[in-house]
Amino acid sequence: MVMANNFFVKPEPSLIETVRKWQITQEEIDQRNNIITMLNGIKFYFNKEELPEWIQTGSFVATLATKDSDLDLCLNGYKFIRVANANIEKQFHKKNALKRNMVIQLFHQLNKHFQNDPNSSKAECRPGYAPIVYWNYNNLEVDFNPSDACLPLNQLITTFLDNKDKERMFQIGLKVLFKNFDCLGNIKNFLSSSALMVTGICFLKTNGNGEQDVNELIRSFAKFFLNFDFKNDAFSFDGILERSSLLYNDTSGIGAEVVAYDHFARHNLARKCSQTGIYITKMLCNLILRVSLAACF
């Protein structure tokens, strides 16, 4: 009787097409590139010693962007990585004052040059160890972050997912699930996207993907996350770092030097893995194991 009942169970539809609908389009990529071009035009007005350089980071560069992904820019990240040396921590703290002045100046210049632009919001500067400038242009949020953890963490994710289409679709599927699941009316209670992506990589490195499709990977991840130890498991970067330094073919040297910045990436991840975020994420994982995945989208 059980076999007969199972015979007529309708197979769960694949999430691949659903996930693809959330992927960023060429038009949306062009929108982000146009904003960067526009921002480059106001650099003339900055003090020379505090002139910002920005490099794209986040899901957009890691090919994990969805239609509502922000545009994340790391302030002077490339310059900082290129001058890496043995005494990184001391150098990092020494540059804090300069970076904070740069952030403050960026905040004022944005509000000055775009105050009469109807597409622009007023920029906000949120203070902290690494103050971030939030700005919205034409309904797209642009985040300027001076944290030196941005680039290495981004590189770890990008390098691991290189030429791995199924794993990339799995990671985007996780992001979309989280964005559509809002049990407390505040999506910010979840883990950050970067923390979620690194957790996903830890899952893939531990379990592999085998013959599982994207649906099965997401369900397996839910089980994995319920027993995930953020104090230890999230920092198992050795294999990813080795792949970054040996296989990342880039004459700029970022692939090799990212190894030296592993501790910044770890600090960044640990800070974003709040107990509230972990608890609410586990609520979602329990839901994933109980209902059809299609119902979560």
Protein backbone atom coordinates (compact mmCIF):
# COMPACT_ATOMS: atom_id res chain seq x y z
CA MET A 1 0.00 0.00 0.00
CA VAL A 2 2.82 2.38 0.84
CA MET A 3 4.47 1.68 -2.48
CA ALA A 4 1.21 2.38 -4.31
CA ASN A 5 0.80 5.71 -2.54
CA ASN A 6 4.37 6.73 -3.30
CA PHE A 7 3.91 5.76 -6.94
CA PHE A 8 1.37 8.55 -7.40
CA VAL A 9 3.31 11.23 -5.48
CA LYS A 10 4.00 14.10 -7.86
CA PRO A 11 7.75 14.84 -8.08
CA GLU A 12 8.79 18.18 -6.63
CA PRO A 13 9.43 20.66 -9.46
CA SER A 14 13.03 21.79 -9.92
CA LEU A 15 13.88 25.21 -8.55
CA ILE A 16 16.35 25.94 -11.35
CA GLU A 17 13.91 27.99 -13.46
CA THR A 18 12.60 29.83 -10.39
CA VAL A 19 16.13 30.73 -9.36
CA ARG A 20 17.05 31.86 -12.88
CA LYS A 21 14.14 34.32 -12.84
CA TRP A 22 15.80 36.00 -9.85
CA GLN A 23 19.20 36.29 -11.51
CA ILE A 24 20.35 39.75 -12.48
CA THR A 25 19.79 40.81 -16.12
CA GLN A 26 22.16 42.63 -18.46
CA GLU A 27 20.03 45.77 -18.14
CA GLU A 28 20.44 45.68 -14.36
CA ILE A 29 24.18 45.11 -14.74
CA ASP A 30 24.36 48.16 -17.01
CA GLN A 31 22.46 50.20 -14.42
CA ARG A 32 25.12 49.42 -11.82
CA ASN A 33 27.98 50.13 -14.21
CA ASN A 34 26.43 53.50 -15.13
CA ILE A 35 26.27 54.48 -11.47
CA ILE A 36 29.97 53.66 -11.04
CA THR A 37 30.83 55.76 -14.10
CA MET A 38 28.79 58.63 -12.67
CA LEU A 39 30.54 58.32 -9.29
CA ASN A 40 33.95 58.40 -10.95
CA GLY A 41 33.01 61.81 -12.31
CA ILE A 42 32.92 63.44 -8.86
CA LYS A 43 36.41 62.33 -7.80
CA PHE A 44 37.82 65.64 -9.01
CA TYR A 45 36.25 67.35 -5.99
CA PHE A 46 37.98 65.24 -3.33
CA ASN A 47 41.10 66.18 -1.39
CA LYS A 48 44.04 64.52 -3.12
CA GLU A 49 45.27 62.74 0.02
CA GLU A 50 41.81 61.32 0.69
CA LEU A 51 40.85 60.46 -2.88
CA PRO A 52 38.70 57.33 -2.78
CA GLU A 53 39.15 54.41 -5.12
CA TRP A 54 36.36 51.87 -5.15
CA ILE A 55 36.27 48.32 -6.35
CA GLN A 56 33.10 46.28 -6.72
CA THR A 57 32.58 43.50 -4.21
CA GLY A 58 29.63 41.49 -2.93
CA SER A 59 27.25 39.22 -4.80
CA PHE A 60 27.49 41.23 -8.04
CA VAL A 61 31.15 40.32 -8.52
CA ALA A 62 30.76 36.80 -7.10
CA THR A 63 28.11 36.13 -9.81
CA LEU A 64 25.51 35.55 -7.09
CA ALA A 65 23.55 38.76 -7.63
CA THR A 66 19.75 38.77 -7.70
CA LYS A 67 17.46 41.44 -9.07
CA ASP A 68 17.30 43.27 -5.73
CA SER A 69 21.00 42.97 -4.84
CA ASP A 70 22.71 46.14 -3.64
CA LEU A 71 25.76 47.62 -5.34
CA ASP A 72 28.62 47.05 -2.88
CA LEU A 73 31.80 49.08 -3.26
CA CYS A 74 34.97 48.55 -1.20
CA LEU A 75 36.80 51.83 -0.60
CA ASN A 76 40.50 51.70 -1.51
CA GLY A 77 40.50 47.95 -1.04
CA TYR A 78 42.81 47.24 -3.98
CA LYS A 79 45.45 49.74 -2.86
CA PHE A 80 45.39 48.33 0.63
CA ILE A 81 45.80 44.74 -0.49
CA ARG A 82 48.70 45.61 -2.80
CA VAL A 83 50.80 46.97 0.10
CA ALA A 84 50.37 43.85 2.23
CA ASN A 85 53.33 42.99 4.44
CA ALA A 86 54.16 40.86 7.46
CA ASN A 87 52.80 43.40 9.95
CA ILE A 88 49.30 43.57 8.50
CA GLU A 89 47.37 44.26 11.71
CA LYS A 90 49.48 47.29 12.63
CA GLN A 91 49.13 48.63 9.12
CA PHE A 92 45.38 48.07 9.19
CA HIS A 93 44.92 50.15 12.34
CA LYS A 94 47.28 52.87 11.08
CA LYS A 95 45.07 53.43 8.05
CA ASN A 96 41.84 53.68 10.02
CA ALA A 97 42.02 57.47 10.49
CA LEU A 98 42.60 58.06 6.78
CA LYS A 99 39.77 55.76 5.82
CA ARG A 100 37.35 57.42 8.23
CA ASN A 101 38.21 60.86 6.83
CA MET A 102 37.67 59.48 3.34
CA VAL A 103 34.26 58.10 4.32
CA ILE A 104 33.18 61.42 5.84
CA GLN A 105 34.30 63.32 2.76
CA LEU A 106 32.50 60.86 0.49
CA PHE A 107 29.32 61.34 2.53
CA HIS A 108 29.47 65.14 2.12
CA GLN A 109 30.38 65.03 -1.58
CA LEU A 110 27.47 62.71 -2.42
CA ASN A 111 24.97 64.98 -0.70
CA LYS A 112 26.50 68.07 -2.29
CA HIS A 113 26.65 66.88 -5.91
CA PHE A 114 23.37 64.98 -6.03
CA GLN A 115 21.19 67.21 -3.86
CA ASN A 116 19.15 68.42 -6.86
CA ASP A 117 19.01 65.06 -8.62
CA PRO A 118 15.46 63.62 -8.29
CA ASN A 119 16.84 60.07 -8.58
CA SER A 120 19.16 60.48 -5.60
CA SER A 121 18.42 60.00 -1.91
CA LYS A 122 20.34 61.69 0.87
CA ALA A 123 23.44 59.68 1.76
CA GLU A 124 23.72 58.31 5.29
CA CYS A 125 26.92 57.62 7.19
CA ARG A 126 26.62 55.00 9.90
CA PRO A 127 29.49 55.29 12.39
CA GLY A 128 31.49 52.32 13.61
CA TYR A 129 34.87 50.62 13.49
CA ALA A 130 34.46 50.62 9.71
CA PRO A 131 31.87 53.36 9.00
CA ILE A 132 29.69 52.67 5.97
CA VAL A 133 28.04 55.16 3.63
CA TYR A 134 24.57 54.16 2.39
CA TRP A 135 23.20 55.89 -0.69
CA ASN A 136 20.24 55.18 -2.96
CA TYR A 137 20.18 56.13 -6.61
CA ASN A 138 17.24 55.33 -8.88
CA ASN A 139 15.93 52.80 -6.33
CA LEU A 140 19.26 50.97 -6.13
CA GLU A 141 21.10 50.93 -2.80
CA VAL A 142 24.82 51.65 -3.04
CA ASP A 143 27.00 50.75 -0.04
CA PHE A 144 30.52 52.14 0.37
CA ASN A 145 32.47 50.00 2.83
CA PRO A 146 36.07 50.70 3.96
CA SER A 147 36.42 47.29 5.62
CA ASP A 148 39.46 45.33 4.44
CA ALA A 149 37.56 42.08 4.94
CA CYS A 150 35.38 42.74 1.86
CA LEU A 151 37.83 41.75 -0.85
CA PRO A 152 39.33 38.57 0.64
CA LEU A 153 35.92 37.25 1.65
CA ASN A 154 34.62 38.04 -1.84
CA GLN A 155 37.62 36.32 -3.39
CA LEU A 156 37.11 33.17 -1.33
CA ILE A 157 33.51 32.86 -2.55
CA THR A 158 34.24 33.77 -6.18
CA THR A 159 37.18 31.39 -6.53
CA PHE A 160 35.37 28.46 -4.98
CA LEU A 161 32.37 28.85 -7.31
CA ASP A 162 34.48 29.24 -10.46
CA ASN A 163 33.02 27.02 -13.24
CA LYS A 164 30.54 25.42 -10.84
CA ASP A 165 27.10 26.23 -12.23
CA LYS A 166 25.07 23.89 -10.01
CA GLU A 167 26.77 25.16 -6.85
CA ARG A 168 26.16 28.75 -7.95
CA MET A 169 22.47 28.06 -8.53
CA PHE A 170 22.32 26.42 -5.10
CA GLN A 171 23.81 29.54 -3.46
CA ILE A 172 21.44 31.88 -5.31
CA GLY A 173 18.55 29.61 -4.34
CA LEU A 174 19.52 29.98 -0.67
CA LYS A 175 19.58 33.77 -0.99
CA VAL A 176 16.16 33.86 -2.65
CA LEU A 177 14.67 31.58 0.01
CA PHE A 178 15.88 33.90 2.74
CA LYS A 179 14.55 36.99 1.03
CA ASN A 180 11.10 35.42 0.65
CA PHE A 181 10.89 34.14 4.21
CA ASP A 182 10.10 37.00 6.60
CA CYS A 183 8.66 35.45 9.75
CA LEU A 184 9.36 38.49 11.95
CA GLY A 185 8.69 41.25 9.46
CA ASN A 186 12.38 42.17 9.44
CA ILE A 187 14.62 40.38 6.95
CA LYS A 188 17.69 42.01 8.54
CA ASN A 189 17.42 39.48 11.37
CA PHE A 190 18.87 36.82 9.08
CA LEU A 191 22.53 36.15 8.54
CA SER A 192 24.22 38.52 6.13
CA SER A 193 24.56 37.31 2.54
CA SER A 194 28.32 36.88 2.94
CA ALA A 195 27.91 34.78 6.09
CA LEU A 196 25.27 32.66 4.36
CA MET A 197 27.45 32.15 1.28
CA VAL A 198 30.48 31.08 3.32
CA THR A 199 28.29 28.69 5.31
CA GLY A 200 27.07 27.28 1.98
CA ILE A 201 30.68 26.77 0.87
CA CYS A 202 31.50 25.00 4.14
CA PHE A 203 28.51 22.73 3.45
CA LEU A 204 29.67 21.97 -0.09
CA LYS A 205 33.23 21.28 1.07
CA THR A 206 31.99 18.97 3.82
CA ASN A 207 29.27 17.11 1.92
CA GLY A 208 30.14 17.67 -1.72
CA ASN A 209 27.35 17.86 -4.29
CA GLY A 210 27.39 14.26 -5.53
CA GLU A 211 24.46 13.53 -7.80
CA GLN A 212 22.09 15.81 -5.89
CA ASP A 213 20.07 18.40 -7.79
CA VAL A 214 19.58 21.95 -6.49
CA ASN A 215 16.43 20.99 -4.54
CA GLU A 216 18.22 18.16 -2.75
CA LEU A 217 21.24 20.35 -2.03
CA ILE A 218 19.04 22.98 -0.34
CA ARG A 219 17.32 20.36 1.81
CA SER A 220 20.68 18.80 2.71
CA PHE A 221 21.98 22.27 3.60
CA ALA A 222 19.01 22.79 5.95
CA LYS A 223 19.96 19.62 7.85
CA PHE A 224 23.63 20.66 7.83
CA PHE A 225 22.88 24.15 9.18
CA LEU A 226 20.87 22.85 12.13
CA ASN A 227 24.09 21.24 13.42
CA PHE A 228 26.52 23.90 12.18
CA ASP A 229 29.13 25.14 14.67
CA PHE A 230 29.85 28.77 13.84
CA LYS A 231 32.76 28.91 16.28
CA ASN A 232 34.71 26.27 14.38
CA ASP A 233 33.10 25.15 11.13
CA ALA A 234 32.74 28.62 9.58
CA PHE A 235 36.47 29.17 9.83
CA SER A 236 37.52 26.05 7.92
CA PHE A 237 38.91 28.07 5.02
CA ASP A 238 42.13 26.09 4.41
CA GLY A 239 41.02 24.37 1.22
CA ILE A 240 39.41 27.51 -0.20
CA LEU A 241 42.50 29.58 0.59
CA GLU A 242 44.77 27.04 -1.06
CA ARG A 243 42.60 27.10 -4.18
CA SER A 244 42.61 30.91 -4.12
CA SER A 245 46.38 31.27 -3.92
CA LEU A 246 47.31 28.49 -6.35
CA LEU A 247 44.62 28.58 -9.02
CA TYR A 248 43.48 32.20 -9.16
CA ASN A 249 45.18 33.39 -12.34
CA ASP A 250 45.54 37.14 -11.86
CA THR A 251 48.71 39.18 -12.38
CA SER A 252 47.56 41.70 -9.74
CA GLY A 253 48.47 39.13 -7.09
CA ILE A 254 45.18 39.42 -5.23
CA GLY A 255 44.70 35.65 -5.40
CA ALA A 256 47.94 34.98 -3.53
CA GLU A 257 47.76 37.91 -1.13
CA VAL A 258 44.22 37.07 -0.03
CA VAL A 259 45.76 34.34 2.14
CA ALA A 260 47.33 37.03 4.32
CA TYR A 261 43.92 38.59 4.88
CA ASP A 262 42.20 35.44 6.05
CA HIS A 263 41.96 36.72 9.62
CA PHE A 264 40.11 39.83 8.45
CA ALA A 265 37.61 37.64 6.62
CA ARG A 266 37.16 35.51 9.73
CA HIS A 267 36.58 38.54 11.92
CA ASN A 268 34.05 39.90 9.43
CA LEU A 269 32.15 36.61 9.29
CA ALA A 270 32.11 36.11 13.06
CA ARG A 271 30.77 39.63 13.59
CA LYS A 272 27.89 39.03 11.20
CA CYS A 273 26.86 35.67 12.66
CA SER A 274 24.69 37.02 15.47
CA GLN A 275 22.82 34.62 17.71
CA THR A 276 19.54 36.14 16.51
CA GLY A 277 20.53 35.59 12.88
CA ILE A 278 21.53 31.98 13.54
CA TYR A 279 18.30 31.27 15.46
CA ILE A 280 16.03 32.70 12.76
CA THR A 281 17.99 30.95 10.03
CA LYS A 282 17.42 27.66 11.85
CA MET A 283 13.68 28.43 11.86
CA LEU A 284 13.82 28.69 8.08
CA CYS A 285 15.82 25.45 7.82
CA ASN A 286 13.16 23.63 9.86
CA LEU A 287 10.49 24.99 7.51
CA ILE A 288 12.45 23.85 4.44
CA LEU A 289 12.47 20.31 5.80
CA ARG A 290 8.70 20.30 6.42
CA VAL A 291 7.10 21.87 3.34
CA SER A 292 7.49 21.93 -0.42
CA LEU A 293 10.38 24.16 -1.50
CA ALA A 294 8.14 25.79 -4.10
CA ALA A 295 5.97 27.07 -1.22
CA CYS A 296 8.98 28.92 0.20
CA PHE A 297 9.50 31.02 -2.94
